[in-house]
Amino acid sequence: DLTELHARFDAALATVRTRLGAEYPSWIAGKAHA
């Protein structure tokens, strides 16, 4: 029964979509590298 799984996935998908296009660094020597 995947009902709960799909509900939680839908909620997570909505959250992830708010971050589309965001920038992320490389990580070098413990620091963000832009």
PDB file of all heavy atoms in Angstrom:
ATOM      1  N   ASP A   1       0.862  -1.177   0.000  1.00  0.00           N
ATOM      2  CA  ASP A   1       0.000   0.000   0.000  1.00  0.00           C
ATOM      3  C   ASP A   1       0.903   1.232   0.000  1.00  0.00           C
ATOM      4  O   ASP A   1       1.596   1.515   0.981  1.00  0.00           O
ATOM      5  CB  ASP A   1      -0.902  -0.016   1.225  1.00  0.00           C
ATOM      6  CG  ASP A   1      -1.859   1.174   1.247  1.00  0.00           C
ATOM      7  OD1 ASP A   1      -1.795   2.015   0.327  1.00  0.00           O
ATOM      8  OD2 ASP A   1      -2.662   1.262   2.188  1.00  0.00           O
ATOM      9  N   LEU A   2       0.908   1.953  -1.109  1.00  0.00           N
ATOM     10  CA  LEU A   2       1.824   3.068  -1.281  1.00  0.00           C
ATOM     11  C   LEU A   2       1.150   4.420  -1.073  1.00  0.00           C
ATOM     12  O   LEU A   2       1.719   5.448  -1.438  1.00  0.00           O
ATOM     13  CB  LEU A   2       2.448   3.007  -2.680  1.00  0.00           C
ATOM     14  CG  LEU A   2       3.185   1.709  -3.041  1.00  0.00           C
ATOM     15  CD1 LEU A   2       3.735   1.809  -4.455  1.00  0.00           C
ATOM     16  CD2 LEU A   2       4.295   1.405  -2.056  1.00  0.00           C
ATOM     17  N   THR A   3      -0.023   4.429  -0.483  1.00  0.00           N
ATOM     18  CA  THR A   3      -0.768   5.682  -0.336  1.00  0.00           C
ATOM     19  C   THR A   3       0.027   6.715   0.447  1.00  0.00           C
ATOM     20  O   THR A   3       0.173   7.872   0.024  1.00  0.00           O
ATOM     21  CB  THR A   3      -2.115   5.414   0.365  1.00  0.00           C
ATOM     22  OG1 THR A   3      -2.832   4.429  -0.382  1.00  0.00           O
ATOM     23  CG2 THR A   3      -2.932   6.695   0.451  1.00  0.00           C
ATOM     24  N   GLU A   4       0.541   6.319   1.599  1.00  0.00           N
ATOM     25  CA  GLU A   4       1.304   7.259   2.426  1.00  0.00           C
ATOM     26  C   GLU A   4       2.578   7.690   1.712  1.00  0.00           C
ATOM     27  O   GLU A   4       2.972   8.864   1.754  1.00  0.00           O
ATOM     28  CB  GLU A   4       1.658   6.612   3.770  1.00  0.00           C
ATOM     29  CG  GLU A   4       2.454   7.544   4.683  1.00  0.00           C
ATOM     30  CD  GLU A   4       2.980   6.844   5.928  1.00  0.00           C
ATOM     31  OE1 GLU A   4       2.566   5.695   6.192  1.00  0.00           O
ATOM     32  OE2 GLU A   4       3.813   7.450   6.621  1.00  0.00           O
ATOM     33  N   LEU A   5       3.234   6.738   1.035  1.00  0.00           N
ATOM     34  CA  LEU A   5       4.462   7.060   0.312  1.00  0.00           C
ATOM     35  C   LEU A   5       4.207   8.164  -0.710  1.00  0.00           C
ATOM     36  O   LEU A   5       4.965   9.148  -0.771  1.00  0.00           O
ATOM     37  CB  LEU A   5       4.980   5.796  -0.380  1.00  0.00           C
ATOM     38  CG  LEU A   5       6.262   5.926  -1.220  1.00  0.00           C
ATOM     39  CD1 LEU A   5       7.030   4.606  -1.205  1.00  0.00           C
ATOM     40  CD2 LEU A   5       5.957   6.299  -2.679  1.00  0.00           C
ATOM     41  N   HIS A   6       3.161   8.027  -1.496  1.00  0.00           N
ATOM     42  CA  HIS A   6       2.917   9.008  -2.537  1.00  0.00           C
ATOM     43  C   HIS A   6       2.551  10.372  -1.953  1.00  0.00           C
ATOM     44  O   HIS A   6       2.946  11.413  -2.499  1.00  0.00           O
ATOM     45  CB  HIS A   6       1.831   8.508  -3.483  1.00  0.00           C
ATOM     46  CG  HIS A   6       2.273   7.370  -4.343  1.00  0.00           C
ATOM     47  ND1 HIS A   6       3.415   7.424  -5.110  1.00  0.00           N
ATOM     48  CD2 HIS A   6       1.740   6.130  -4.555  1.00  0.00           C
ATOM     49  CE1 HIS A   6       3.566   6.275  -5.765  1.00  0.00           C
ATOM     50  NE2 HIS A   6       2.562   5.484  -5.444  1.00  0.00           N
ATOM     51  N   ALA A   7       1.842  10.377  -0.839  1.00  0.00           N
ATOM     52  CA  ALA A   7       1.499  11.658  -0.212  1.00  0.00           C
ATOM     53  C   ALA A   7       2.762  12.367   0.265  1.00  0.00           C
ATOM     54  O   ALA A   7       2.918  13.593   0.066  1.00  0.00           O
ATOM     55  CB  ALA A   7       0.540  11.428   0.953  1.00  0.00           C
ATOM     56  N   ARG A   8       3.668  11.627   0.883  1.00  0.00           N
ATOM     57  CA  ARG A   8       4.888  12.246   1.383  1.00  0.00           C
ATOM     58  C   ARG A   8       5.816  12.649   0.232  1.00  0.00           C
ATOM     59  O   ARG A   8       6.491  13.675   0.296  1.00  0.00           O
ATOM     60  CB  ARG A   8       5.595  11.299   2.353  1.00  0.00           C
ATOM     61  CG  ARG A   8       4.769  10.981   3.589  1.00  0.00           C
ATOM     62  CD  ARG A   8       5.553  10.277   4.660  1.00  0.00           C
ATOM     63  NE  ARG A   8       6.540  11.161   5.263  1.00  0.00           N
ATOM     64  CZ  ARG A   8       7.241  10.842   6.359  1.00  0.00           C
ATOM     65  NH1 ARG A   8       7.020   9.687   6.975  1.00  0.00           N
ATOM     66  NH2 ARG A   8       8.130  11.673   6.837  1.00  0.00           N
ATOM     67  N   PHE A   9       5.826  11.851  -0.820  1.00  0.00           N
ATOM     68  CA  PHE A   9       6.650  12.202  -1.975  1.00  0.00           C
ATOM     69  C   PHE A   9       6.123  13.476  -2.637  1.00  0.00           C
ATOM     70  O   PHE A   9       6.910  14.354  -3.022  1.00  0.00           O
ATOM     71  CB  PHE A   9       6.682  11.049  -2.980  1.00  0.00           C
ATOM     72  CG  PHE A   9       7.754  11.176  -4.016  1.00  0.00           C
ATOM     73  CD1 PHE A   9       8.982  10.566  -3.842  1.00  0.00           C
ATOM     74  CD2 PHE A   9       7.551  11.922  -5.170  1.00  0.00           C
ATOM     75  CE1 PHE A   9       9.991  10.683  -4.787  1.00  0.00           C
ATOM     76  CE2 PHE A   9       8.541  12.054  -6.121  1.00  0.00           C
ATOM     77  CZ  PHE A   9       9.765  11.433  -5.941  1.00  0.00           C
ATOM     78  N   ASP A  10       4.808  13.587  -2.769  1.00  0.00           N
ATOM     79  CA  ASP A  10       4.224  14.797  -3.362  1.00  0.00           C
ATOM     80  C   ASP A  10       4.607  16.036  -2.564  1.00  0.00           C
ATOM     81  O   ASP A  10       4.938  17.081  -3.138  1.00  0.00           O
ATOM     82  CB  ASP A  10       2.697  14.669  -3.423  1.00  0.00           C
ATOM     83  CG  ASP A  10       2.233  13.744  -4.532  1.00  0.00           C
ATOM     84  OD1 ASP A  10       2.962  13.599  -5.525  1.00  0.00           O
ATOM     85  OD2 ASP A  10       1.137  13.159  -4.399  1.00  0.00           O
ATOM     86  N   ALA A  11       4.574  15.927  -1.234  1.00  0.00           N
ATOM     87  CA  ALA A  11       4.933  17.071  -0.391  1.00  0.00           C
ATOM     88  C   ALA A  11       6.404  17.441  -0.576  1.00  0.00           C
ATOM     89  O   ALA A  11       6.767  18.627  -0.675  1.00  0.00           O
ATOM     90  CB  ALA A  11       4.636  16.755   1.068  1.00  0.00           C
ATOM     91  N   ALA A  12       7.262  16.419  -0.636  1.00  0.00           N
ATOM     92  CA  ALA A  12       8.696  16.680  -0.827  1.00  0.00           C
ATOM     93  C   ALA A  12       8.958  17.286  -2.200  1.00  0.00           C
ATOM     94  O   ALA A  12       9.788  18.193  -2.353  1.00  0.00           O
ATOM     95  CB  ALA A  12       9.481  15.381  -0.660  1.00  0.00           C
ATOM     96  N   LEU A  13       8.244  16.800  -3.207  1.00  0.00           N
ATOM     97  CA  LEU A  13       8.419  17.316  -4.554  1.00  0.00           C
ATOM     98  C   LEU A  13       8.061  18.803  -4.623  1.00  0.00           C
ATOM     99  O   LEU A  13       8.764  19.596  -5.268  1.00  0.00           O
ATOM    100  CB  LEU A  13       7.555  16.510  -5.517  1.00  0.00           C
ATOM    101  CG  LEU A  13       7.811  16.668  -7.006  1.00  0.00           C
ATOM    102  CD1 LEU A  13       9.226  16.227  -7.373  1.00  0.00           C
ATOM    103  CD2 LEU A  13       6.786  15.842  -7.791  1.00  0.00           C
ATOM    104  N   ALA A  14       6.995  19.166  -3.942  1.00  0.00           N
ATOM    105  CA  ALA A  14       6.607  20.575  -3.929  1.00  0.00           C
ATOM    106  C   ALA A  14       7.690  21.437  -3.289  1.00  0.00           C
ATOM    107  O   ALA A  14       7.998  22.544  -3.765  1.00  0.00           O
ATOM    108  CB  ALA A  14       5.285  20.737  -3.173  1.00  0.00           C
ATOM    109  N   THR A  15       8.301  20.940  -2.226  1.00  0.00           N
ATOM    110  CA  THR A  15       9.383  21.682  -1.571  1.00  0.00           C
ATOM    111  C   THR A  15      10.599  21.808  -2.473  1.00  0.00           C
ATOM    112  O   THR A  15      11.194  22.883  -2.605  1.00  0.00           O
ATOM    113  CB  THR A  15       9.779  20.987  -0.258  1.00  0.00           C
ATOM    114  OG1 THR A  15       8.646  20.946   0.621  1.00  0.00           O
ATOM    115  CG2 THR A  15      10.920  21.719   0.421  1.00  0.00           C
ATOM    116  N   VAL A  16      10.974  20.692  -3.107  1.00  0.00           N
ATOM    117  CA  VAL A  16      12.151  20.706  -3.978  1.00  0.00           C
ATOM    118  C   VAL A  16      11.952  21.655  -5.153  1.00  0.00           C
ATOM    119  O   VAL A  16      12.886  22.349  -5.575  1.00  0.00           O
ATOM    120  CB  VAL A  16      12.458  19.269  -4.457  1.00  0.00           C
ATOM    121  CG1 VAL A  16      13.525  19.282  -5.555  1.00  0.00           C
ATOM    122  CG2 VAL A  16      12.932  18.412  -3.282  1.00  0.00           C
ATOM    123  N   ARG A  17      10.749  21.711  -5.665  1.00  0.00           N
ATOM    124  CA  ARG A  17      10.486  22.592  -6.809  1.00  0.00           C
ATOM    125  C   ARG A  17      10.699  24.072  -6.465  1.00  0.00           C
ATOM    126  O   ARG A  17      11.013  24.877  -7.347  1.00  0.00           O
ATOM    127  CB  ARG A  17       9.070  22.371  -7.330  1.00  0.00           C
ATOM    128  CG  ARG A  17       8.907  21.068  -8.114  1.00  0.00           C
ATOM    129  CD  ARG A  17       7.591  21.049  -8.876  1.00  0.00           C
ATOM    130  NE  ARG A  17       7.405  19.808  -9.601  1.00  0.00           N
ATOM    131  CZ  ARG A  17       7.953  19.511 -10.772  1.00  0.00           C
ATOM    132  NH1 ARG A  17       8.765  20.400 -11.356  1.00  0.00           N
ATOM    133  NH2 ARG A  17       7.714  18.360 -11.372  1.00  0.00           N
ATOM    134  N   THR A  18      10.563  24.436  -5.192  1.00  0.00           N
ATOM    135  CA  THR A  18      10.802  25.832  -4.815  1.00  0.00           C
ATOM    136  C   THR A  18      12.275  26.200  -4.923  1.00  0.00           C
ATOM    137  O   THR A  18      12.612  27.391  -4.917  1.00  0.00           O
ATOM    138  CB  THR A  18      10.326  26.104  -3.373  1.00  0.00           C
ATOM    139  OG1 THR A  18      11.133  25.365  -2.445  1.00  0.00           O
ATOM    140  CG2 THR A  18       8.855  25.723  -3.193  1.00  0.00           C
ATOM    141  N   ARG A  19      13.144  25.196  -5.030  1.00  0.00           N
ATOM    142  CA  ARG A  19      14.584  25.451  -5.108  1.00  0.00           C
ATOM    143  C   ARG A  19      15.140  25.286  -6.524  1.00  0.00           C
ATOM    144  O   ARG A  19      16.363  25.328  -6.721  1.00  0.00           O
ATOM    145  CB  ARG A  19      15.331  24.523  -4.146  1.00  0.00           C
ATOM    146  CG  ARG A  19      14.917  24.678  -2.690  1.00  0.00           C
ATOM    147  CD  ARG A  19      15.929  24.049  -1.756  1.00  0.00           C
ATOM    148  NE  ARG A  19      15.941  22.601  -1.838  1.00  0.00           N
ATOM    149  CZ  ARG A  19      15.271  21.787  -1.023  1.00  0.00           C
ATOM    150  NH1 ARG A  19      14.506  22.305  -0.052  1.00  0.00           N
ATOM    151  NH2 ARG A  19      15.353  20.478  -1.144  1.00  0.00           N
ATOM    152  N   LEU A  20      14.287  25.062  -7.507  1.00  0.00           N
ATOM    153  CA  LEU A  20      14.774  24.878  -8.874  1.00  0.00           C
ATOM    154  C   LEU A  20      15.598  26.083  -9.322  1.00  0.00           C
ATOM    155  O   LEU A  20      15.216  27.232  -9.099  1.00  0.00           O
ATOM    156  CB  LEU A  20      13.599  24.667  -9.828  1.00  0.00           C
ATOM    157  CG  LEU A  20      12.844  23.336  -9.705  1.00  0.00           C
ATOM    158  CD1 LEU A  20      11.671  23.300 -10.677  1.00  0.00           C
ATOM    159  CD2 LEU A  20      13.770  22.155  -9.944  1.00  0.00           C
ATOM    160  N   GLY A  21      16.727  25.784  -9.938  1.00  0.00           N
ATOM    161  CA  GLY A  21      17.588  26.836 -10.458  1.00  0.00           C
ATOM    162  C   GLY A  21      18.544  27.437  -9.450  1.00  0.00           C
ATOM    163  O   GLY A  21      19.316  28.345  -9.794  1.00  0.00           O
ATOM    164  N   ALA A  22      18.528  26.940  -8.223  1.00  0.00           N
ATOM    165  CA  ALA A  22      19.434  27.477  -7.198  1.00  0.00           C
ATOM    166  C   ALA A  22      20.890  27.139  -7.549  1.00  0.00           C
ATOM    167  O   ALA A  22      21.172  26.175  -8.262  1.00  0.00           O
ATOM    168  CB  ALA A  22      19.077  26.914  -5.834  1.00  0.00           C
ATOM    169  N   GLU A  23      21.809  27.954  -7.019  1.00  0.00           N
ATOM    170  CA  GLU A  23      23.234  27.724  -7.243  1.00  0.00           C
ATOM    171  C   GLU A  23      23.847  26.962  -6.069  1.00  0.00           C
ATOM    172  O   GLU A  23      23.462  27.158  -4.908  1.00  0.00           O
ATOM    173  CB  GLU A  23      23.971  29.053  -7.422  1.00  0.00           C
ATOM    174  CG  GLU A  23      23.623  29.773  -8.709  1.00  0.00           C
ATOM    175  CD  GLU A  23      24.503  30.994  -8.947  1.00  0.00           C
ATOM    176  OE1 GLU A  23      25.533  31.137  -8.228  1.00  0.00           O
ATOM    177  OE2 GLU A  23      24.173  31.792  -9.834  1.00  0.00           O
ATOM    178  N   TYR A  24      24.819  26.099  -6.397  1.00  0.00           N
ATOM    179  CA  TYR A  24      25.514  25.291  -5.394  1.00  0.00           C
ATOM    180  C   TYR A  24      27.008  25.336  -5.673  1.00  0.00           C
ATOM    181  O   TYR A  24      27.435  25.295  -6.831  1.00  0.00           O
ATOM    182  CB  TYR A  24      25.019  23.846  -5.428  1.00  0.00           C
ATOM    183  CG  TYR A  24      23.534  23.717  -5.168  1.00  0.00           C
ATOM    184  CD1 TYR A  24      22.625  23.731  -6.227  1.00  0.00           C
ATOM    185  CD2 TYR A  24      23.032  23.610  -3.877  1.00  0.00           C
ATOM    186  CE1 TYR A  24      21.267  23.625  -6.005  1.00  0.00           C
ATOM    187  CE2 TYR A  24      21.663  23.497  -3.639  1.00  0.00           C
ATOM    188  CZ  TYR A  24      20.792  23.512  -4.705  1.00  0.00           C
ATOM    189  OH  TYR A  24      19.438  23.411  -4.480  1.00  0.00           O
ATOM    190  N   PRO A  25      27.826  25.365  -4.630  1.00  0.00           N
ATOM    191  CA  PRO A  25      29.274  25.454  -4.840  1.00  0.00           C
ATOM    192  C   PRO A  25      29.909  24.089  -5.031  1.00  0.00           C
ATOM    193  O   PRO A  25      29.293  23.038  -4.802  1.00  0.00           O
ATOM    194  CB  PRO A  25      29.753  26.064  -3.519  1.00  0.00           C
ATOM    195  CG  PRO A  25      28.800  25.476  -2.509  1.00  0.00           C
ATOM    196  CD  PRO A  25      27.462  25.413  -3.200  1.00  0.00           C
ATOM    197  N   SER A  26      31.149  24.078  -5.447  1.00  0.00           N
ATOM    198  CA  SER A  26      32.036  22.958  -5.152  1.00  0.00           C
ATOM    199  C   SER A  26      32.477  23.135  -3.702  1.00  0.00           C
ATOM    200  O   SER A  26      32.349  24.224  -3.115  1.00  0.00           O
ATOM    201  CB  SER A  26      33.248  22.955  -6.083  1.00  0.00           C
ATOM    202  OG  SER A  26      32.891  22.597  -7.406  1.00  0.00           O
ATOM    203  N   TRP A  27      33.005  22.072  -3.097  1.00  0.00           N
ATOM    204  CA  TRP A  27      33.465  22.147  -1.696  1.00  0.00           C
ATOM    205  C   TRP A  27      34.928  21.751  -1.650  1.00  0.00           C
ATOM    206  O   TRP A  27      35.281  20.589  -1.897  1.00  0.00           O
ATOM    207  CB  TRP A  27      32.628  21.243  -0.801  1.00  0.00           C
ATOM    208  CG  TRP A  27      31.213  21.738  -0.645  1.00  0.00           C
ATOM    209  CD1 TRP A  27      30.112  21.351  -1.356  1.00  0.00           C
ATOM    210  CD2 TRP A  27      30.757  22.729   0.279  1.00  0.00           C
ATOM    211  NE1 TRP A  27      29.002  22.043  -0.934  1.00  0.00           N
ATOM    212  CE2 TRP A  27      29.362  22.890   0.069  1.00  0.00           C
ATOM    213  CE3 TRP A  27      31.393  23.499   1.261  1.00  0.00           C
ATOM    214  CZ2 TRP A  27      28.591  23.784   0.806  1.00  0.00           C
ATOM    215  CZ3 TRP A  27      30.626  24.390   1.993  1.00  0.00           C
ATOM    216  CH2 TRP A  27      29.242  24.526   1.770  1.00  0.00           C
ATOM    217  N   ILE A  28      35.778  22.718  -1.347  1.00  0.00           N
ATOM    218  CA  ILE A  28      37.222  22.513  -1.334  1.00  0.00           C
ATOM    219  C   ILE A  28      37.781  22.934   0.018  1.00  0.00           C
ATOM    220  O   ILE A  28      37.511  24.049   0.488  1.00  0.00           O
ATOM    221  CB  ILE A  28      37.907  23.321  -2.463  1.00  0.00           C
ATOM    222  CG1 ILE A  28      37.378  22.866  -3.834  1.00  0.00           C
ATOM    223  CG2 ILE A  28      39.428  23.158  -2.410  1.00  0.00           C
ATOM    224  CD1 ILE A  28      37.916  23.689  -4.994  1.00  0.00           C
ATOM    225  N   ALA A  29      38.541  22.047   0.632  1.00  0.00           N
ATOM    226  CA  ALA A  29      39.178  22.325   1.927  1.00  0.00           C
ATOM    227  C   ALA A  29      38.167  22.780   2.972  1.00  0.00           C
ATOM    228  O   ALA A  29      38.462  23.644   3.804  1.00  0.00           O
ATOM    229  CB  ALA A  29      40.294  23.354   1.763  1.00  0.00           C
ATOM    230  N   GLY A  30      36.977  22.224   2.912  1.00  0.00           N
ATOM    231  CA  GLY A  30      35.962  22.534   3.905  1.00  0.00           C
ATOM    232  C   GLY A  30      35.198  23.811   3.658  1.00  0.00           C
ATOM    233  O   GLY A  30      34.347  24.190   4.473  1.00  0.00           O
ATOM    234  N   LYS A  31      35.468  24.491   2.540  1.00  0.00           N
ATOM    235  CA  LYS A  31      34.824  25.772   2.271  1.00  0.00           C
ATOM    236  C   LYS A  31      34.131  25.741   0.903  1.00  0.00           C
ATOM    237  O   LYS A  31      34.562  25.032  -0.017  1.00  0.00           O
ATOM    238  CB  LYS A  31      35.857  26.900   2.297  1.00  0.00           C
ATOM    239  CG  LYS A  31      36.508  27.087   3.665  1.00  0.00           C
ATOM    240  CD  LYS A  31      37.528  28.216   3.640  1.00  0.00           C
ATOM    241  CE  LYS A  31      38.183  28.395   5.002  1.00  0.00           C
ATOM    242  NZ  LYS A  31      39.201  29.480   4.991  1.00  0.00           N
ATOM    243  N   ALA A  32      33.056  26.526   0.797  1.00  0.00           N
ATOM    244  CA  ALA A  32      32.349  26.651  -0.473  1.00  0.00           C
ATOM    245  C   ALA A  32      33.236  27.346  -1.496  1.00  0.00           C
ATOM    246  O   ALA A  32      33.853  28.377  -1.199  1.00  0.00           O
ATOM    247  CB  ALA A  32      31.050  27.420  -0.275  1.00  0.00           C
ATOM    248  N   HIS A  33      33.290  26.778  -2.695  1.00  0.00           N
ATOM    249  CA  HIS A  33      34.100  27.336  -3.776  1.00  0.00           C
ATOM    250  C   HIS A  33      33.165  27.750  -4.898  1.00  0.00           C
ATOM    251  O   HIS A  33      32.531  26.910  -5.552  1.00  0.00           O
ATOM    252  CB  HIS A  33      35.102  26.294  -4.274  1.00  0.00           C
ATOM    253  CG  HIS A  33      35.858  26.710  -5.501  1.00  0.00           C
ATOM    254  ND1 HIS A  33      36.815  27.692  -5.480  1.00  0.00           N
ATOM    255  CD2 HIS A  33      35.775  26.276  -6.791  1.00  0.00           C
ATOM    256  CE1 HIS A  33      37.315  27.847  -6.699  1.00  0.00           C
ATOM    257  NE2 HIS A  33      36.700  27.005  -7.508  1.00  0.00           N
ATOM    258  N   ALA A  34      33.041  29.063  -5.112  1.00  0.00           N
ATOM    259  CA  ALA A  34      32.173  29.607  -6.156  1.00  0.00           C
ATOM    260  C   ALA A  34      33.042  30.177  -7.269  1.00  0.00           C
ATOM    261  O   ALA A  34      33.561  31.287  -7.164  1.00  0.00           O
ATOM    262  CB  ALA A  34      31.247  30.671  -5.583  1.00  0.00           C
TER     263      ALA A  34
END
